[in-house]
Amino acid sequence: MDMMPRDTTDEAWAEQIRGLRSLGVAGRAAMTFDLSDNVRQIVLDGVRHRHPDWDETRIRREVFRLVYGDPLYNEVFGRSRTCDG
């Protein structure tokens, strides 16, 4: 219980833990993958919104750079290309 958010009551936290436990390992894994997909979609939408003139390849590369960082981006695609370049 030491990871309980400060704005959550003990009762609410206990109920959340019970709910997560009831999902089982497979349910929690599925929820984790769904959350990851949602975050990736938010990043993709954000890049598209900030750069409506970019083509799909450039958008997807920028998402890759934002998610995995410049070192891996550079290893895969070459020199980092930021939003400005």
C-alpha atoms as a PDB file:
ATOM      1  CA  MET A   1       0.000   0.000   0.000  1.00  0.00           C
ATOM      2  CA  ASP A   2       3.039   2.320   0.057  1.00  0.00           C
ATOM      3  CA  MET A   3       2.449   3.293  -3.615  1.00  0.00           C
ATOM      4  CA  MET A   4      -0.985   4.728  -2.903  1.00  0.00           C
ATOM      5  CA  PRO A   5      -1.547   8.120  -4.562  1.00  0.00           C
ATOM      6  CA  ARG A   6      -1.858  11.009  -2.101  1.00  0.00           C
ATOM      7  CA  ASP A   7      -5.284  11.985  -3.404  1.00  0.00           C
ATOM      8  CA  THR A   8      -6.779   8.508  -2.864  1.00  0.00           C
ATOM      9  CA  THR A   9      -8.453   7.201   0.267  1.00  0.00           C
ATOM     10  CA  ASP A  10      -7.377   3.921   1.826  1.00  0.00           C
ATOM     11  CA  GLU A  11     -10.734   2.404   0.924  1.00  0.00           C
ATOM     12  CA  ALA A  12     -10.561   3.513  -2.710  1.00  0.00           C
ATOM     13  CA  TRP A  13      -6.996   2.234  -3.023  1.00  0.00           C
ATOM     14  CA  ALA A  14      -7.926  -1.142  -1.540  1.00  0.00           C
ATOM     15  CA  GLU A  15     -10.833  -1.427  -4.001  1.00  0.00           C
ATOM     16  CA  GLN A  16      -8.549  -0.579  -6.915  1.00  0.00           C
ATOM     17  CA  ILE A  17      -6.071  -3.264  -5.832  1.00  0.00           C
ATOM     18  CA  ARG A  18      -8.909  -5.793  -5.494  1.00  0.00           C
ATOM     19  CA  GLY A  19     -10.121  -4.908  -8.977  1.00  0.00           C
ATOM     20  CA  LEU A  20      -6.671  -5.273 -10.512  1.00  0.00           C
ATOM     21  CA  ARG A  21      -6.125  -8.594  -8.753  1.00  0.00           C
ATOM     22  CA  SER A  22      -9.465  -9.869 -10.032  1.00  0.00           C
ATOM     23  CA  LEU A  23      -8.307  -9.265 -13.616  1.00  0.00           C
ATOM     24  CA  GLY A  24      -5.543 -11.807 -13.239  1.00  0.00           C
ATOM     25  CA  VAL A  25      -2.193 -11.662 -14.979  1.00  0.00           C
ATOM     26  CA  ALA A  26      -3.649 -11.881 -18.484  1.00  0.00           C
ATOM     27  CA  GLY A  27      -6.159  -9.112 -17.806  1.00  0.00           C
ATOM     28  CA  ARG A  28      -3.530  -6.808 -16.342  1.00  0.00           C
ATOM     29  CA  ALA A  29      -1.214  -7.518 -19.286  1.00  0.00           C
ATOM     30  CA  ALA A  30      -4.007  -6.733 -21.761  1.00  0.00           C
ATOM     31  CA  MET A  31      -4.759  -3.499 -19.905  1.00  0.00           C
ATOM     32  CA  THR A  32      -1.065  -2.567 -20.011  1.00  0.00           C
ATOM     33  CA  PHE A  33      -0.875  -3.165 -23.760  1.00  0.00           C
ATOM     34  CA  ASP A  34      -4.060  -1.144 -24.310  1.00  0.00           C
ATOM     35  CA  LEU A  35      -2.647   1.755 -22.309  1.00  0.00           C
ATOM     36  CA  SER A  36       0.588   1.597 -24.290  1.00  0.00           C
ATOM     37  CA  ASP A  37      -1.353   1.664 -27.567  1.00  0.00           C
ATOM     38  CA  ASN A  38      -3.384   4.629 -26.316  1.00  0.00           C
ATOM     39  CA  VAL A  39      -0.265   6.609 -25.386  1.00  0.00           C
ATOM     40  CA  ARG A  40       1.335   5.843 -28.749  1.00  0.00           C
ATOM     41  CA  GLN A  41      -1.831   7.056 -30.524  1.00  0.00           C
ATOM     42  CA  ILE A  42      -1.813  10.277 -28.477  1.00  0.00           C
ATOM     43  CA  VAL A  43       1.817  10.896 -29.466  1.00  0.00           C
ATOM     44  CA  LEU A  44       1.001  10.162 -33.121  1.00  0.00           C
ATOM     45  CA  ASP A  45      -1.984  12.519 -33.067  1.00  0.00           C
ATOM     46  CA  GLY A  46       0.108  15.207 -31.384  1.00  0.00           C
ATOM     47  CA  VAL A  47       2.844  15.027 -34.036  1.00  0.00           C
ATOM     48  CA  ARG A  48       0.227  15.134 -36.807  1.00  0.00           C
ATOM     49  CA  HIS A  49      -1.414  18.148 -35.190  1.00  0.00           C
ATOM     50  CA  ARG A  50       1.868  20.049 -34.781  1.00  0.00           C
ATOM     51  CA  HIS A  51       3.087  19.183 -38.287  1.00  0.00           C
ATOM     52  CA  PRO A  52       0.131  18.881 -40.700  1.00  0.00           C
ATOM     53  CA  ASP A  53       2.508  19.312 -43.649  1.00  0.00           C
ATOM     54  CA  TRP A  54       4.603  16.228 -42.799  1.00  0.00           C
ATOM     55  CA  ASP A  55       4.084  12.989 -44.713  1.00  0.00           C
ATOM     56  CA  GLU A  56       3.227   9.737 -42.926  1.00  0.00           C
ATOM     57  CA  THR A  57       6.811   8.423 -43.004  1.00  0.00           C
ATOM     58  CA  ARG A  58       8.185  11.539 -41.336  1.00  0.00           C
ATOM     59  CA  ILE A  59       5.387  11.496 -38.751  1.00  0.00           C
ATOM     60  CA  ARG A  60       6.034   7.844 -37.862  1.00  0.00           C
ATOM     61  CA  ARG A  61       9.777   8.438 -37.619  1.00  0.00           C
ATOM     62  CA  GLU A  62       9.199  11.376 -35.283  1.00  0.00           C
ATOM     63  CA  VAL A  63       6.939   9.213 -33.115  1.00  0.00           C
ATOM     64  CA  PHE A  64       9.692   6.584 -33.035  1.00  0.00           C
ATOM     65  CA  ARG A  65      12.222   9.247 -31.997  1.00  0.00           C
ATOM     66  CA  LEU A  66       9.963  10.585 -29.263  1.00  0.00           C
ATOM     67  CA  VAL A  67       9.146   7.127 -27.890  1.00  0.00           C
ATOM     68  CA  TYR A  68      12.579   5.474 -28.126  1.00  0.00           C
ATOM     69  CA  GLY A  69      14.927   8.464 -27.982  1.00  0.00           C
ATOM     70  CA  ASP A  70      17.614   9.942 -30.183  1.00  0.00           C
ATOM     71  CA  PRO A  71      20.312   7.265 -29.676  1.00  0.00           C
ATOM     72  CA  LEU A  72      18.137   4.426 -30.999  1.00  0.00           C
ATOM     73  CA  TYR A  73      16.592   6.669 -33.670  1.00  0.00           C
ATOM     74  CA  ASN A  74      20.074   7.560 -34.889  1.00  0.00           C
ATOM     75  CA  GLU A  75      21.084   3.910 -34.924  1.00  0.00           C
ATOM     76  CA  VAL A  76      18.036   2.942 -36.989  1.00  0.00           C
ATOM     77  CA  PHE A  77      17.554   5.983 -39.242  1.00  0.00           C
ATOM     78  CA  GLY A  78      20.793   7.957 -39.087  1.00  0.00           C
ATOM     79  CA  ARG A  79      21.250  11.469 -37.703  1.00  0.00           C
ATOM     80  CA  SER A  80      18.361  12.628 -35.518  1.00  0.00           C
ATOM     81  CA  ARG A  81      15.786  14.724 -37.269  1.00  0.00           C
ATOM     82  CA  THR A  82      13.945  16.883 -34.771  1.00  0.00           C
ATOM     83  CA  CYS A  83      10.687  18.715 -35.313  1.00  0.00           C
ATOM     84  CA  ASP A  84      12.659  21.669 -36.694  1.00  0.00           C
ATOM     85  CA  GLY A  85      14.596  19.725 -39.281  1.00  0.00           C
END
